[in-house]
């Protein structure tokens, strides 16, 4: 299964989700799961944000070599499941491919969680603490 995480610039939320997804799949022995990320308005080749790289490293994951890329029809074709960091990302991906399986990241929380469907707040421009909250929201 190919999972595609989508955010705005592909330097903060979706790269974090990609490395978390990859690590979780590996920890569970799910070798058939591949993870990638992209941004709706990414500037191709930008690195992951510094605080994001630091937070990932603090959790034993590497974002140091990440480079941003734009969402494309090729990535949408590759993906079995597209996960937007917020509703606007999911809606935009659905306009590209209405038949795709698309969700918001917080759709996977327990149904009684008040954050279901609310999306993952954008840490862009924030400090390490802001990125930690994005990594593992309370």
N, C-alpha and C. Protein backbone atom coordinates (compact mmCIF):
# COMPACT_ATOMS: atom_id res chain seq x y z
N UNK A 1 0.84 -1.17 0.00
CA UNK A 1 0.00 0.00 0.00
C UNK A 1 0.89 1.24 0.00
N UNK A 2 0.54 2.20 -0.83
CA UNK A 2 1.29 3.44 -0.94
C UNK A 2 0.51 4.58 -0.29
N UNK A 3 1.12 5.19 0.74
CA UNK A 3 0.50 6.29 1.46
C UNK A 3 1.16 7.59 1.05
N UNK A 4 0.34 8.58 0.69
CA UNK A 4 0.84 9.90 0.31
C UNK A 4 0.29 10.92 1.28
N UNK A 5 1.19 11.61 1.99
CA UNK A 5 0.83 12.65 2.94
C UNK A 5 0.98 14.01 2.25
N UNK A 6 -0.04 14.85 2.38
CA UNK A 6 -0.07 16.12 1.65
C UNK A 6 -0.28 17.29 2.61
N UNK A 7 0.53 18.32 2.46
CA UNK A 7 0.34 19.57 3.20
C UNK A 7 0.52 20.73 2.22
N UNK A 8 0.84 21.89 2.72
CA UNK A 8 0.94 23.07 1.86
C UNK A 8 2.28 23.15 1.14
N UNK A 9 3.38 23.21 1.89
CA UNK A 9 4.69 23.42 1.27
C UNK A 9 5.62 22.23 1.28
N UNK A 10 5.21 21.12 1.91
CA UNK A 10 6.02 19.91 2.00
C UNK A 10 7.36 20.15 2.68
N UNK A 11 7.34 21.01 3.70
CA UNK A 11 8.55 21.23 4.50
C UNK A 11 8.31 21.01 5.99
N UNK A 12 7.06 20.85 6.41
CA UNK A 12 6.75 20.72 7.85
C UNK A 12 5.94 19.47 8.14
N UNK A 13 4.62 19.57 7.99
CA UNK A 13 3.72 18.51 8.42
C UNK A 13 3.83 17.23 7.62
N UNK A 14 3.74 17.32 6.30
CA UNK A 14 3.73 16.08 5.53
C UNK A 14 5.07 15.34 5.57
N UNK A 15 6.23 16.03 5.61
CA UNK A 15 7.47 15.26 5.77
C UNK A 15 7.53 14.55 7.13
N UNK A 16 7.04 15.22 8.19
CA UNK A 16 6.99 14.55 9.49
C UNK A 16 6.09 13.32 9.42
N UNK A 17 4.92 13.47 8.80
CA UNK A 17 3.99 12.34 8.68
C UNK A 17 4.63 11.21 7.87
N UNK A 18 5.36 11.57 6.83
CA UNK A 18 6.01 10.55 5.99
C UNK A 18 7.01 9.73 6.79
N UNK A 19 7.90 10.39 7.56
CA UNK A 19 8.89 9.62 8.30
C UNK A 19 8.27 8.85 9.46
N UNK A 20 7.22 9.42 10.07
CA UNK A 20 6.52 8.69 11.12
C UNK A 20 5.84 7.46 10.52
N UNK A 21 5.15 7.65 9.40
CA UNK A 21 4.47 6.52 8.74
C UNK A 21 5.44 5.42 8.36
N UNK A 22 6.56 5.81 7.80
CA UNK A 22 7.57 4.82 7.39
C UNK A 22 8.10 4.07 8.62
N UNK A 23 8.39 4.80 9.69
CA UNK A 23 8.92 4.17 10.90
C UNK A 23 7.89 3.24 11.54
N UNK A 24 6.63 3.66 11.57
CA UNK A 24 5.58 2.83 12.16
C UNK A 24 5.36 1.56 11.34
N UNK A 25 5.38 1.68 10.03
CA UNK A 25 5.22 0.50 9.17
C UNK A 25 6.39 -0.47 9.40
N UNK A 26 7.60 0.07 9.47
CA UNK A 26 8.77 -0.78 9.69
C UNK A 26 8.70 -1.45 11.06
N UNK A 27 8.31 -0.69 12.09
CA UNK A 27 8.23 -1.25 13.44
C UNK A 27 7.21 -2.38 13.53
N UNK A 28 6.20 -2.32 12.69
CA UNK A 28 5.15 -3.34 12.69
C UNK A 28 5.42 -4.46 11.67
N UNK A 29 6.56 -4.37 10.99
CA UNK A 29 6.91 -5.40 10.01
C UNK A 29 6.06 -5.36 8.76
N UNK A 30 5.55 -4.17 8.42
CA UNK A 30 4.67 -4.02 7.25
C UNK A 30 5.48 -3.55 6.05
N UNK A 31 6.24 -4.45 5.47
CA UNK A 31 7.13 -4.09 4.37
C UNK A 31 6.38 -3.69 3.10
N UNK A 32 5.09 -4.00 3.03
CA UNK A 32 4.32 -3.66 1.83
C UNK A 32 3.79 -2.23 1.86
N UNK A 33 4.12 -1.47 2.91
CA UNK A 33 3.67 -0.08 3.01
C UNK A 33 4.81 0.85 2.64
N UNK A 34 4.54 1.75 1.70
CA UNK A 34 5.49 2.78 1.29
C UNK A 34 4.87 4.13 1.60
N UNK A 35 5.69 5.08 1.99
CA UNK A 35 5.21 6.42 2.34
C UNK A 35 5.95 7.48 1.54
N UNK A 36 5.22 8.51 1.16
CA UNK A 36 5.78 9.66 0.45
C UNK A 36 5.00 10.89 0.90
N UNK A 37 5.51 12.06 0.53
CA UNK A 37 4.82 13.30 0.86
C UNK A 37 4.98 14.30 -0.27
N UNK A 38 4.07 15.28 -0.26
CA UNK A 38 4.10 16.33 -1.27
C UNK A 38 3.36 17.54 -0.73
N UNK A 39 3.52 18.67 -1.40
CA UNK A 39 2.84 19.90 -1.00
C UNK A 39 2.01 20.48 -2.12
N UNK A 40 0.88 21.05 -1.74
CA UNK A 40 0.00 21.69 -2.71
C UNK A 40 0.69 22.86 -3.42
N UNK A 41 1.49 23.60 -2.67
CA UNK A 41 2.18 24.78 -3.20
C UNK A 41 3.67 24.73 -2.88
N UNK A 42 4.25 23.56 -2.99
CA UNK A 42 5.66 23.37 -2.64
C UNK A 42 6.56 24.02 -3.68
N UNK A 43 7.70 24.51 -3.20
CA UNK A 43 8.78 24.93 -4.06
C UNK A 43 9.74 23.74 -4.12
N UNK A 44 9.77 23.01 -5.24
CA UNK A 44 10.57 21.79 -5.31
C UNK A 44 12.02 22.01 -4.90
N UNK A 45 12.51 21.08 -4.08
CA UNK A 45 13.90 21.10 -3.67
C UNK A 45 14.17 21.77 -2.34
N UNK A 46 13.17 22.40 -1.73
CA UNK A 46 13.40 23.02 -0.42
C UNK A 46 13.62 21.94 0.64
N UNK A 47 14.47 22.22 1.62
CA UNK A 47 14.68 21.24 2.69
C UNK A 47 13.51 21.27 3.68
N UNK A 48 13.45 20.26 4.51
CA UNK A 48 12.49 20.28 5.62
C UNK A 48 12.89 21.41 6.57
N UNK A 49 11.93 21.94 7.29
CA UNK A 49 12.20 23.03 8.22
C UNK A 49 13.19 22.57 9.29
N UNK A 50 14.02 23.50 9.74
CA UNK A 50 15.01 23.18 10.76
C UNK A 50 14.41 22.59 12.02
N UNK A 51 13.36 23.21 12.59
CA UNK A 51 12.77 22.62 13.78
C UNK A 51 12.16 21.24 13.52
N UNK A 52 11.63 21.02 12.33
CA UNK A 52 11.09 19.71 11.99
C UNK A 52 12.18 18.66 11.93
N UNK A 53 13.31 19.02 11.35
CA UNK A 53 14.46 18.10 11.30
C UNK A 53 14.91 17.77 12.72
N UNK A 54 14.97 18.79 13.58
CA UNK A 54 15.41 18.58 14.97
C UNK A 54 14.44 17.69 15.74
N UNK A 55 13.15 17.93 15.57
CA UNK A 55 12.15 17.12 16.29
C UNK A 55 12.19 15.68 15.80
N UNK A 56 12.27 15.49 14.49
CA UNK A 56 12.37 14.12 13.97
C UNK A 56 13.60 13.43 14.53
N UNK A 57 14.73 14.12 14.54
CA UNK A 57 15.98 13.54 15.06
C UNK A 57 15.84 13.18 16.54
N UNK A 58 15.15 14.03 17.29
CA UNK A 58 14.95 13.75 18.72
C UNK A 58 14.13 12.48 18.93
N UNK A 59 13.37 12.10 17.92
CA UNK A 59 12.57 10.86 17.98
C UNK A 59 13.22 9.73 17.19
N UNK A 60 14.48 9.92 16.81
CA UNK A 60 15.23 8.86 16.14
C UNK A 60 14.96 8.73 14.65
N UNK A 61 14.38 9.77 14.04
CA UNK A 61 14.08 9.71 12.61
C UNK A 61 14.84 10.80 11.86
N UNK A 62 15.08 10.56 10.58
CA UNK A 62 15.92 11.46 9.79
C UNK A 62 15.11 12.21 8.73
N UNK A 63 15.08 13.53 8.86
CA UNK A 63 14.48 14.39 7.84
C UNK A 63 15.54 15.25 7.15
N UNK A 64 16.80 15.04 7.49
CA UNK A 64 17.88 15.91 7.01
C UNK A 64 18.01 15.89 5.49
N UNK A 65 17.66 14.81 4.83
CA UNK A 65 17.83 14.73 3.38
C UNK A 65 16.53 15.01 2.61
N UNK A 66 15.46 15.33 3.34
CA UNK A 66 14.17 15.59 2.68
C UNK A 66 14.27 16.82 1.78
N UNK A 67 13.68 16.70 0.59
CA UNK A 67 13.50 17.86 -0.29
C UNK A 67 12.04 17.89 -0.72
N UNK A 68 11.49 19.08 -0.72
CA UNK A 68 10.07 19.23 -1.01
C UNK A 68 9.76 18.95 -2.48
N UNK A 69 8.50 18.55 -2.69
CA UNK A 69 8.03 18.37 -4.05
C UNK A 69 6.55 18.70 -4.10
N UNK A 70 6.13 19.11 -5.29
CA UNK A 70 4.73 19.47 -5.51
C UNK A 70 3.88 18.22 -5.72
N UNK A 71 2.64 18.34 -5.32
CA UNK A 71 1.68 17.28 -5.64
C UNK A 71 1.56 17.19 -7.15
N UNK A 72 1.51 15.97 -7.66
CA UNK A 72 1.44 15.78 -9.10
C UNK A 72 0.50 14.64 -9.43
N UNK A 73 0.08 14.57 -10.65
CA UNK A 73 -0.78 13.47 -11.07
C UNK A 73 -0.05 12.13 -10.94
N UNK A 74 1.27 12.13 -11.13
CA UNK A 74 2.04 10.90 -10.98
C UNK A 74 2.00 10.40 -9.53
N UNK A 75 2.14 11.31 -8.59
CA UNK A 75 2.07 10.91 -7.18
C UNK A 75 0.67 10.44 -6.81
N UNK A 76 -0.34 11.11 -7.32
CA UNK A 76 -1.72 10.69 -7.05
C UNK A 76 -1.99 9.31 -7.63
N UNK A 77 -1.46 9.03 -8.81
CA UNK A 77 -1.61 7.71 -9.42
C UNK A 77 -0.89 6.64 -8.60
N UNK A 78 0.26 7.00 -8.03
CA UNK A 78 1.04 6.08 -7.22
C UNK A 78 0.33 5.72 -5.92
N UNK A 79 -0.35 6.69 -5.33
CA UNK A 79 -0.91 6.54 -3.99
C UNK A 79 -2.17 5.67 -3.97
N UNK A 80 -2.22 4.78 -2.98
CA UNK A 80 -3.44 4.03 -2.69
C UNK A 80 -4.31 4.79 -1.71
N UNK A 81 -3.68 5.59 -0.86
CA UNK A 81 -4.38 6.38 0.15
C UNK A 81 -3.68 7.73 0.25
N UNK A 82 -4.46 8.80 0.14
CA UNK A 82 -3.94 10.17 0.23
C UNK A 82 -4.45 10.75 1.54
N UNK A 83 -3.52 11.28 2.34
CA UNK A 83 -3.87 11.81 3.65
C UNK A 83 -3.44 13.27 3.71
N UNK A 84 -4.44 14.16 3.72
CA UNK A 84 -4.18 15.59 3.84
C UNK A 84 -3.99 15.98 5.29
N UNK A 85 -3.14 16.93 5.52
CA UNK A 85 -2.92 17.40 6.88
C UNK A 85 -4.09 18.25 7.37
N UNK A 86 -4.86 18.81 6.44
CA UNK A 86 -6.08 19.52 6.79
C UNK A 86 -7.08 19.35 5.65
N UNK A 87 -8.31 19.75 5.90
CA UNK A 87 -9.39 19.52 4.93
C UNK A 87 -9.09 20.15 3.58
N UNK A 88 -8.48 21.33 3.56
CA UNK A 88 -8.21 21.98 2.28
C UNK A 88 -7.26 21.16 1.41
N UNK A 89 -6.33 20.46 2.03
CA UNK A 89 -5.41 19.60 1.27
C UNK A 89 -6.16 18.41 0.68
N UNK A 90 -7.02 17.80 1.48
CA UNK A 90 -7.81 16.67 1.00
C UNK A 90 -8.75 17.10 -0.12
N UNK A 91 -9.38 18.26 0.04
CA UNK A 91 -10.30 18.76 -0.98
C UNK A 91 -9.58 19.06 -2.29
N UNK A 92 -8.40 19.65 -2.20
CA UNK A 92 -7.63 19.94 -3.41
C UNK A 92 -7.20 18.66 -4.12
N UNK A 93 -6.77 17.67 -3.36
CA UNK A 93 -6.38 16.39 -3.96
C UNK A 93 -7.59 15.74 -4.62
N UNK A 94 -8.73 15.87 -4.01
CA UNK A 94 -9.96 15.28 -4.58
C UNK A 94 -10.35 15.96 -5.89
N UNK A 95 -10.04 17.24 -6.02
CA UNK A 95 -10.31 17.92 -7.30
C UNK A 95 -9.42 17.35 -8.41
N UNK A 96 -8.21 16.94 -8.06
CA UNK A 96 -7.29 16.35 -9.03
C UNK A 96 -7.75 14.95 -9.40
N UNK A 97 -8.19 14.20 -8.39
CA UNK A 97 -8.55 12.80 -8.61
C UNK A 97 -9.76 12.44 -7.74
N UNK A 98 -10.97 12.71 -8.25
CA UNK A 98 -12.18 12.47 -7.46
C UNK A 98 -12.39 11.02 -7.04
N UNK A 99 -11.77 10.08 -7.74
CA UNK A 99 -11.96 8.67 -7.42
C UNK A 99 -10.97 8.16 -6.37
N UNK A 100 -10.01 8.99 -5.99
CA UNK A 100 -8.98 8.55 -5.05
C UNK A 100 -9.54 8.39 -3.64
N UNK A 101 -8.85 7.57 -2.86
CA UNK A 101 -9.17 7.40 -1.44
C UNK A 101 -8.43 8.49 -0.68
N UNK A 102 -9.17 9.49 -0.19
CA UNK A 102 -8.57 10.68 0.42
C UNK A 102 -9.20 10.93 1.79
N UNK A 103 -8.35 11.23 2.76
CA UNK A 103 -8.80 11.51 4.12
C UNK A 103 -7.98 12.66 4.70
N UNK A 104 -8.48 13.22 5.80
CA UNK A 104 -7.72 14.18 6.60
C UNK A 104 -7.03 13.37 7.70
N UNK A 105 -5.81 13.72 8.03
CA UNK A 105 -5.03 12.97 9.02
C UNK A 105 -5.83 12.71 10.30
N UNK A 106 -6.55 13.69 10.78
CA UNK A 106 -7.26 13.53 12.05
C UNK A 106 -8.53 12.68 11.92
N UNK A 107 -8.88 12.26 10.72
CA UNK A 107 -10.01 11.34 10.54
C UNK A 107 -9.73 9.98 11.19
N UNK A 108 -8.46 9.69 11.45
CA UNK A 108 -8.09 8.39 12.00
C UNK A 108 -8.07 8.36 13.52
N UNK A 109 -8.40 9.47 14.15
CA UNK A 109 -8.51 9.52 15.61
C UNK A 109 -9.79 8.82 16.04
N UNK A 110 -9.88 8.43 17.30
CA UNK A 110 -11.14 7.84 17.77
C UNK A 110 -12.31 8.80 17.51
N UNK A 111 -13.44 8.27 17.12
CA UNK A 111 -14.60 9.08 16.72
C UNK A 111 -15.04 10.10 17.77
N UNK A 112 -14.79 9.83 19.05
CA UNK A 112 -15.22 10.76 20.09
C UNK A 112 -14.17 11.85 20.37
N UNK A 113 -13.05 11.83 19.65
CA UNK A 113 -12.02 12.85 19.83
C UNK A 113 -12.49 14.13 19.13
N UNK A 114 -12.46 15.24 19.83
CA UNK A 114 -12.94 16.52 19.28
C UNK A 114 -12.12 17.02 18.10
N UNK A 115 -10.94 16.45 17.89
CA UNK A 115 -10.09 16.90 16.78
C UNK A 115 -10.36 16.17 15.47
N UNK A 116 -11.26 15.19 15.47
CA UNK A 116 -11.56 14.45 14.24
C UNK A 116 -11.97 15.46 13.16
N UNK A 117 -11.29 15.38 12.03
CA UNK A 117 -11.60 16.25 10.91
C UNK A 117 -11.03 17.66 11.00
N UNK A 118 -10.48 18.03 12.16
CA UNK A 118 -9.99 19.39 12.35
C UNK A 118 -8.66 19.65 11.64
N UNK A 119 -7.93 18.62 11.33
CA UNK A 119 -6.64 18.79 10.69
C UNK A 119 -5.52 18.97 11.70
N UNK A 120 -4.31 18.95 11.16
CA UNK A 120 -3.11 19.12 11.96
C UNK A 120 -2.66 20.57 11.82
N UNK A 121 -2.56 21.30 12.93
CA UNK A 121 -2.14 22.71 12.85
C UNK A 121 -0.77 22.85 12.18
N UNK A 122 -0.63 23.91 11.40
CA UNK A 122 0.61 24.16 10.66
C UNK A 122 1.65 24.78 11.59
N UNK A 123 2.80 24.14 11.77
CA UNK A 123 3.83 24.69 12.65
C UNK A 123 4.76 25.68 11.95
N UNK A 124 4.54 25.95 10.67
CA UNK A 124 5.45 26.79 9.88
C UNK A 124 5.80 28.08 10.63
N UNK A 125 7.09 28.32 10.77
CA UNK A 125 7.57 29.51 11.45
C UNK A 125 7.65 29.37 12.96
N UNK A 126 7.21 28.22 13.46
CA UNK A 126 7.22 28.00 14.91
C UNK A 126 8.56 27.49 15.41
N UNK A 127 8.62 27.39 16.74
CA UNK A 127 9.84 26.90 17.39
C UNK A 127 9.75 25.39 17.60
N UNK A 128 10.76 24.85 18.25
CA UNK A 128 10.83 23.41 18.50
C UNK A 128 9.58 22.92 19.23
N UNK A 129 9.12 23.67 20.22
CA UNK A 129 7.94 23.26 20.99
C UNK A 129 6.71 23.16 20.08
N UNK A 130 6.57 24.08 19.15
CA UNK A 130 5.45 24.05 18.21
C UNK A 130 5.52 22.78 17.35
N UNK A 131 6.71 22.44 16.91
CA UNK A 131 6.88 21.23 16.10
C UNK A 131 6.66 19.97 16.93
N UNK A 132 7.03 20.00 18.20
CA UNK A 132 6.74 18.86 19.08
C UNK A 132 5.23 18.65 19.20
N UNK A 133 4.48 19.76 19.28
CA UNK A 133 3.03 19.65 19.36
C UNK A 133 2.46 19.06 18.06
N UNK A 134 3.06 19.41 16.95
CA UNK A 134 2.63 18.84 15.67
C UNK A 134 2.97 17.36 15.63
N UNK A 135 4.12 16.99 16.14
CA UNK A 135 4.55 15.60 16.18
C UNK A 135 3.57 14.76 16.97
N UNK A 136 3.23 15.19 18.16
CA UNK A 136 2.40 14.40 19.06
C UNK A 136 1.40 15.31 19.78
N UNK A 137 0.35 15.74 19.07
CA UNK A 137 -0.61 16.65 19.72
C UNK A 137 -1.25 16.01 20.94
N UNK A 138 -1.55 16.86 21.91
CA UNK A 138 -2.15 16.38 23.17
C UNK A 138 -3.52 15.77 22.96
